[in-house]
Protein backbone atom coordinates (compact mmCIF):
# COMPACT_ATOMS: atom_id res chain seq x y z
CA MET A 1 -43.27 -23.94 32.50
CA GLU A 2 -41.78 -20.45 32.60
CA THR A 3 -43.74 -17.54 31.21
CA ALA A 4 -42.65 -16.47 27.72
CA LEU A 5 -40.40 -13.45 27.43
CA SER A 6 -41.82 -10.32 25.86
CA THR A 7 -40.40 -9.04 22.58
CA PRO A 8 -37.79 -6.26 23.04
CA HIS A 9 -39.03 -2.99 21.60
CA ASN A 10 -38.02 0.66 21.17
CA ILE A 11 -34.47 -0.22 20.10
CA GLN A 12 -32.09 2.70 20.65
CA ILE A 13 -28.58 3.11 19.21
CA CYS A 14 -26.23 5.71 20.70
CA GLU A 15 -22.55 6.67 21.12
CA VAL A 16 -21.69 5.37 17.65
CA THR A 17 -18.00 5.41 16.64
CA CYS A 18 -16.14 3.84 13.72
CA ASP A 19 -15.96 0.46 15.50
CA SER A 20 -18.40 0.53 18.41
CA PHE A 21 -21.86 1.54 19.53
CA ARG A 22 -24.21 1.21 22.48
CA ILE A 23 -27.61 -0.40 22.23
CA ALA A 24 -30.63 -0.30 24.54
CA TRP A 25 -34.24 -1.39 24.35
CA ASP A 26 -37.38 -1.56 26.45
CA MET A 27 -38.63 -4.71 28.17
CA THR A 28 -40.91 -5.44 31.09
CA PRO A 29 -39.55 -5.16 34.65
CA GLU A 30 -40.13 -8.89 35.05
CA ASP A 31 -38.05 -9.71 31.97
CA THR A 32 -35.35 -7.28 33.07
CA ALA A 33 -35.07 -9.13 36.37
CA ARG A 34 -34.87 -12.66 34.93
CA ALA A 35 -33.03 -12.24 31.58
CA SER A 36 -29.63 -13.94 31.76
CA HIS A 37 -28.40 -13.34 28.20
CA PHE A 38 -28.86 -11.04 25.21
CA PHE A 39 -28.55 -12.21 21.61
CA ILE A 40 -27.47 -9.54 19.09
CA ASP A 41 -27.86 -10.17 15.36
CA LEU A 42 -25.73 -7.63 13.51
CA SER A 43 -25.12 -7.52 9.77
CA ARG A 44 -24.29 -5.09 7.00
CA LYS A 45 -27.29 -3.44 5.42
CA GLU A 46 -26.07 -3.82 1.86
CA GLY A 47 -27.78 -6.51 -0.24
CA GLY A 48 -30.12 -9.32 0.62
CA ASP A 49 -33.31 -9.59 2.63
CA LEU A 50 -33.14 -7.67 5.89
CA ASN A 51 -35.59 -10.06 7.54
CA ARG A 52 -32.99 -12.69 8.40
CA PHE A 53 -33.85 -13.20 12.04
CA LYS A 54 -35.70 -16.48 11.82
CA THR A 55 -34.03 -18.63 14.46
CA GLN A 56 -35.28 -18.22 18.02
CA ASP A 57 -32.97 -20.59 19.80
CA VAL A 58 -29.59 -20.06 18.13
CA PRO A 59 -27.73 -16.70 18.30
CA THR A 60 -26.47 -15.82 14.82
CA LYS A 61 -23.82 -13.25 15.74
CA LEU A 62 -23.19 -12.17 19.34
CA VAL A 63 -24.09 -13.64 22.72
CA ALA A 64 -23.65 -11.55 25.84
CA LYS A 65 -24.51 -12.02 29.47
CA ALA A 66 -27.26 -9.64 30.51
CA VAL A 67 -25.85 -6.28 31.65
CA PRO A 68 -27.44 -2.94 32.47
CA LEU A 69 -28.48 -1.11 29.32
CA PRO A 70 -27.25 0.54 27.16
CA MET A 71 -24.84 -2.27 26.34
CA ALA A 72 -21.57 -1.59 24.52
CA VAL A 73 -20.88 -3.50 21.30
CA ARG A 74 -17.37 -3.11 19.94
CA GLY A 75 -14.91 -4.96 17.77
CA HIS A 76 -12.95 -4.09 14.64
CA TRP A 77 -13.27 -7.67 13.41
CA PHE A 78 -16.91 -7.13 12.50
CA LEU A 79 -17.48 -3.36 12.51
CA SER A 80 -16.11 -1.02 9.83
CA PRO A 81 -16.21 2.80 9.60
CA ARG A 82 -18.91 4.59 7.62
CA THR A 83 -20.87 1.39 7.09
CA GLU A 84 -24.62 0.89 7.36
CA TYR A 85 -25.70 -1.97 9.60
CA CYS A 86 -28.95 -3.51 10.70
CA VAL A 87 -29.39 -5.00 14.14
CA ALA A 88 -32.02 -6.93 16.07
CA VAL A 89 -32.03 -8.33 19.61
CA GLN A 90 -33.47 -11.19 21.63
CA THR A 91 -33.54 -11.61 25.37
CA ALA A 92 -33.03 -15.05 26.88
CA VAL A 93 -33.14 -16.98 30.13
CA ARG A 94 -30.75 -19.87 30.54
CA GLN A 95 -32.61 -22.73 32.16
CA ALA A 96 -31.39 -25.51 34.47
CA ASP A 97 -31.00 -27.98 31.59
CA GLY A 98 -28.74 -25.56 29.70
CA GLU A 99 -31.37 -24.66 27.10
CA TYR A 100 -32.52 -21.10 26.54
CA LEU A 101 -35.98 -19.64 26.82
CA VAL A 102 -35.90 -16.80 24.29
CA SER A 103 -38.06 -13.92 23.21
CA GLU A 104 -39.11 -13.14 19.68
CA TRP A 105 -36.61 -11.07 17.70
CA SER A 106 -37.12 -7.34 17.98
CA GLN A 107 -37.73 -5.14 14.99
CA VAL A 108 -34.69 -4.48 12.77
CA VAL A 109 -33.01 -1.11 13.36
CA GLU A 110 -30.52 0.48 10.97
CA PHE A 111 -27.59 2.72 11.82
CA CYS A 112 -24.29 3.87 10.32
CA THR A 113 -20.87 3.77 11.98
CA GLY A 114 -18.71 6.90 12.13
CA ASP A 115 -15.37 8.15 10.79
CA TYR A 116 -11.96 7.50 12.29
CA ALA A 117 -11.56 9.42 15.52
CA MET A 118 -8.42 11.45 16.20
CA ASP A 119 -6.84 8.53 18.10
CA HIS A 120 -7.34 6.23 15.10
CA LEU A 121 -5.83 8.80 12.73
CA LYS A 122 -2.80 9.15 15.00
CA GLN A 123 -2.33 5.36 14.80
CA LEU A 124 -2.45 5.63 11.02
CA LEU A 125 -0.09 8.61 11.11
CA GLY A 126 2.41 6.55 13.09
CA LYS A 127 2.39 3.83 10.42
CA ALA A 128 2.78 6.40 7.65
CA GLN A 129 5.77 8.00 9.38
CA VAL A 130 7.60 4.66 9.36
CA SER A 131 7.13 4.37 5.59
CA ALA A 132 7.87 7.97 4.56
CA GLY A 133 11.59 7.63 3.78
CA ARG A 134 14.06 10.47 3.51
CA LEU A 135 13.15 13.97 2.40
CA LEU A 136 13.88 15.25 -1.12
CA ARG A 137 13.78 18.85 -2.28
CA PHE A 138 11.07 20.08 -4.65
CA SER A 139 10.07 23.45 -6.03
CA VAL A 140 6.57 23.17 -7.52
CA PHE A 141 3.18 21.67 -6.83
CA TYR A 142 1.52 20.35 -9.96
CA ARG A 143 -1.75 18.95 -11.29
CA ASN A 144 -1.92 16.79 -14.43
CA GLN A 145 -5.10 16.73 -16.49
CA HIS A 146 -6.47 16.37 -20.01
CA PRO A 147 -6.87 19.41 -22.30
CA ASP A 148 -10.66 19.34 -21.88
CA TYR A 149 -10.25 19.99 -18.17
CA PHE A 150 -8.16 23.12 -18.63
CA HIS A 151 -10.42 24.33 -21.44
CA TYR A 152 -13.38 24.02 -19.08
CA VAL A 153 -11.52 25.87 -16.31
CA ARG A 154 -10.73 28.76 -18.68
CA THR A 155 -14.12 29.04 -20.38
CA GLU A 156 -16.56 28.09 -17.61
CA CYS A 157 -14.75 28.86 -14.34
CA GLY A 158 -13.00 32.13 -15.08
CA GLY A 159 -9.60 30.47 -14.96
CA LEU A 160 -10.16 29.09 -11.45
CA MET A 161 -9.64 25.45 -10.54
CA ARG A 162 -12.46 25.14 -8.05
CA PRO A 163 -12.42 22.75 -5.08
CA ALA A 164 -14.31 19.49 -5.62
CA LEU A 165 -15.65 17.08 -3.02
CA LYS A 166 -13.10 14.44 -1.99
CA ASP A 167 -14.13 11.00 -3.28
CA ASN A 168 -14.19 7.76 -1.25
CA SER A 169 -10.75 6.49 -2.23
CA GLY A 170 -8.33 5.35 0.44
CA SER A 171 -9.29 4.39 3.98
CA HIS A 172 -13.03 4.03 4.39
CA GLY A 173 -12.93 5.88 7.70
CA SER A 174 -10.99 8.98 6.65
CA PRO A 175 -12.99 12.01 7.84
CA ILE A 176 -12.39 13.96 4.62
CA ASN A 177 -14.05 11.41 2.30
CA SER A 178 -17.18 12.94 0.75
CA LYS A 179 -16.98 15.82 3.26
CA LEU A 180 -14.06 18.11 2.44
CA GLN A 181 -13.61 20.01 -0.82
CA GLY A 182 -10.28 20.78 -2.38
CA VAL A 183 -8.01 20.73 -5.42
CA PHE A 184 -5.69 17.72 -5.54
CA LEU A 185 -2.03 18.43 -6.27
CA SER A 186 1.15 16.40 -6.46
CA CYS A 187 4.70 17.27 -5.49
CA ASN A 188 6.68 14.02 -5.85
CA THR A 189 9.81 14.24 -7.98
CA GLU A 190 12.04 11.80 -9.84
CA PHE A 191 14.95 10.64 -7.71
CA ASP A 192 17.56 11.20 -10.43
CA THR A 193 16.36 14.56 -11.80
CA GLY A 194 14.64 16.27 -8.89
CA LEU A 195 11.82 17.18 -11.31
CA PRO A 196 8.20 15.99 -11.54
CA PRO A 197 7.85 12.75 -13.53
CA ASN A 198 6.83 12.96 -17.19
CA ASP A 199 4.42 10.04 -16.95
CA SER A 200 0.94 10.76 -15.66
CA PRO A 201 -2.25 8.69 -15.37
CA TYR A 202 -4.32 11.88 -15.45
CA GLY A 203 -3.42 13.53 -18.74
CA PRO A 204 -0.72 15.19 -20.91
CA LEU A 205 -1.06 18.76 -19.59
CA ARG A 206 0.40 19.96 -16.31
CA PHE A 207 -0.45 23.00 -14.22
CA GLN A 208 2.41 23.85 -11.91
CA ILE A 209 2.71 26.49 -9.23
CA PRO A 210 5.70 27.58 -7.11
CA ALA A 211 5.68 25.64 -3.86
CA GLY A 212 5.95 28.80 -1.76
CA ASN A 213 2.61 30.08 -3.06
CA LEU A 214 0.83 27.33 -1.12
CA LEU A 215 3.29 25.97 1.46
CA ASN A 216 4.18 28.84 3.79
CA PRO A 217 3.61 30.00 7.37
CA ASN A 218 0.11 31.21 6.44
CA THR A 219 -1.11 27.68 5.73
CA ASN A 220 -1.72 24.71 8.01
CA LEU A 221 -0.84 21.13 7.11
CA TYR A 222 -2.89 18.12 8.20
CA PHE A 223 -2.54 14.35 7.89
CA ALA A 224 -5.66 12.73 6.40
CA ASP A 225 -4.90 9.17 5.22
CA PHE A 226 -2.40 6.40 4.49
CA TYR A 227 -3.33 3.60 2.11
CA CYS A 228 -2.32 1.30 -0.74
CA MET A 229 -4.17 -0.36 -3.61
CA TYR A 230 -3.28 -4.05 -3.40
CA THR A 231 0.43 -3.50 -3.91
CA ALA A 232 2.97 -3.07 -1.14
CA TYR A 233 5.27 -1.14 -3.50
CA HIS A 234 3.16 2.01 -3.69
CA HIS A 235 1.73 3.60 -0.57
CA TYR A 236 -0.12 6.91 -0.62
CA VAL A 237 -0.23 9.62 2.04
CA VAL A 238 -3.05 12.16 1.81
CA LEU A 239 -2.28 15.60 3.25
CA VAL A 240 -4.48 18.68 3.46
CA LEU A 241 -3.12 22.21 2.98
CA ALA A 242 -5.51 24.85 4.27
CA PRO A 243 -4.96 28.59 4.63
CA ALA A 244 -5.10 29.47 8.32
CA GLY A 245 -8.60 30.49 9.40
CA SER A 246 -10.30 29.25 6.22
CA GLU A 247 -13.39 27.07 6.20
CA GLY A 248 -11.26 24.08 5.26
CA ASP A 249 -8.86 24.84 8.10
CA ASN A 250 -11.71 24.96 10.60
CA PHE A 251 -12.97 21.56 9.41
CA CYS A 252 -9.53 19.97 9.61
CA ARG A 253 -8.66 21.42 13.00
CA SER A 254 -11.37 19.38 14.69
CA SER A 255 -11.01 16.25 12.53
CA LEU A 256 -7.36 15.69 11.53
CA PRO A 257 -3.91 15.65 13.18
CA LEU A 258 -2.09 18.94 12.64
CA LEU A 259 1.50 18.58 11.40
CA ASP A 260 4.43 20.86 12.15
CA LEU A 261 5.14 22.62 8.85
CA THR A 262 8.88 22.70 9.52
CA ALA A 263 9.34 19.26 11.11
CA ASN A 264 7.33 16.34 9.76
CA PRO A 265 8.34 13.36 7.59
CA PHE A 266 6.05 14.13 4.62
CA LEU A 267 6.06 17.75 3.44
CA THR A 268 8.15 20.53 4.92
CA TYR A 269 8.76 24.26 4.65
CA ILE A 270 12.16 25.38 5.94
CA PRO A 271 12.33 29.18 6.31
CA PRO A 272 15.37 31.07 5.02
CA GLN A 273 18.31 30.89 7.39
CA ARG A 274 19.96 34.07 6.14
CA GLN A 275 18.84 37.28 4.52
CA GLY A 276 18.46 36.87 0.77
CA GLU A 277 18.03 33.08 0.90
CA ASP A 278 14.95 31.28 -0.35
CA PRO A 279 12.96 28.82 1.76
CA LEU A 280 13.48 25.11 1.17
CA PHE A 281 10.66 22.68 0.38
CA CYS A 282 10.95 18.91 0.82
CA HIS A 283 8.73 15.88 0.22
CA ALA A 284 8.89 12.26 1.42
CA SER A 285 10.70 9.98 -0.99
CA ASP A 286 9.15 6.57 -0.27
CA VAL A 287 5.43 7.38 -0.41
CA ILE A 288 3.27 9.08 -3.02
CA LEU A 289 1.85 12.32 -1.64
CA GLU A 290 -1.65 13.47 -2.55
CA VAL A 291 -2.04 17.07 -1.38
CA LEU A 292 -5.54 18.51 -1.11
CA TYR A 293 -5.53 22.32 -1.21
CA THR A 294 -8.82 23.61 0.15
CA GLU A 295 -9.13 26.88 -1.80
CA PRO A 296 -9.64 27.73 -5.49
CA LEU A 297 -6.46 28.06 -7.56
CA SER A 298 -6.11 30.47 -10.46
CA LEU A 299 -4.26 29.30 -13.55
CA GLU A 300 -2.62 32.74 -13.50
CA GLN A 301 -0.78 31.76 -10.31
CA GLY A 302 1.25 29.23 -12.28
CA SER A 303 1.71 27.86 -15.78
CA VAL A 304 0.24 25.07 -17.93
CA LEU A 305 2.64 23.05 -20.04
CA GLU A 306 2.60 19.84 -22.07
CA ILE A 307 4.40 16.80 -20.71
CA SER A 308 5.68 13.71 -22.50
CA GLY A 309 5.40 10.13 -21.32
CA HIS A 310 2.67 7.53 -20.85
CA HIS A 311 -0.77 8.57 -19.64
CA GLN A 312 -2.78 5.52 -18.57
CA MET A 313 -6.01 6.32 -16.75
CA SER A 314 -6.09 2.80 -15.25
CA GLN A 315 -3.38 3.93 -12.84
CA THR A 316 -5.41 6.67 -11.17
CA THR A 317 -6.57 6.45 -7.57
CA ALA A 318 -10.08 7.81 -8.16
CA ASN A 319 -12.43 5.97 -5.77
CA ALA A 320 -9.73 3.32 -5.28
CA LYS A 321 -10.39 1.02 -2.35
CA LYS A 322 -7.78 0.40 0.30
CA ASP A 323 -6.25 -3.07 0.55
CA PRO A 324 -7.70 -4.40 3.84
CA SER A 325 -5.02 -7.11 4.13
CA CYS A 326 -1.96 -4.82 4.03
CA LYS A 327 -0.09 -4.89 7.34
CA VAL A 328 1.80 -1.70 6.50
CA CYS A 329 -1.15 0.71 6.26
CA ASN A 330 -3.99 -0.82 8.28
CA ILE A 331 -4.72 -0.22 11.94
CA SER A 332 -6.72 -2.18 14.51
CA VAL A 333 -10.08 -0.69 13.60
CA GLY A 334 -12.32 -1.24 10.60
CA ARG A 335 -10.78 -0.54 7.21
């Protein structure tokens, strides 16, 4: 009878991305020499008893032939971005009769996957470009809110709309979620009027500011996300506008694809062609743009006016989760 295998210990996780990681552990030189297979039990941390590794002879998740450690584990079909996982390992020797001699399960180790890398965001950007549609002119950025919000801004914030931390709506792996602060603005217009719509899920008051105050050669534009909420009819593109050299700009430069301000399918600034002309501003017609401006905005830079129409809060995108089954806005990594 073969000697029992020792229990793997000192589990180490490294090189973690949004859909892969490397794992290593310590075992005796004798076990290293004779192990033929590794069993990896990987599951989400959320909910349930973490001590699930009860079976010694049946791998519950992954089986791999023994390779030099650290071993790469990758696959978007079971790994998602920004998700906490727990993992345990067994070593095994396949015997002549086809059965396995296996070690005890190691201790359970927890880790969290990362954000989308630049390559993943460029995949998502490519999908968003296909859906953007033609460009329509616009003249103002705007933000719809309830009266209480603007009262608070005036009385408690000195008239400044201060940046707030981006929530977790949209793609789970977007690098700006819960990391970048900004003030969300809209710029979409009605097809028939060229003006902002009167309906708003956010409230009956609208702050609006001339587009040129924010969209100009002194600002940089970044692509951050493309998602929908269980309906193929409404897709959202999240863009970030950051003054060049600002803290927000520095964050985005290393995390998000930079867009050409004068030539992209979402939001453009076209400089005057002749002396005395005004610049032109255009937005994509077939997606809903959510523009995150990374600096405080003073109400004195624009105007606040009342709008008519329906204002149903159920239509907001606050913390809305992306539809993982949509073929239009998902890429081949975790959602």
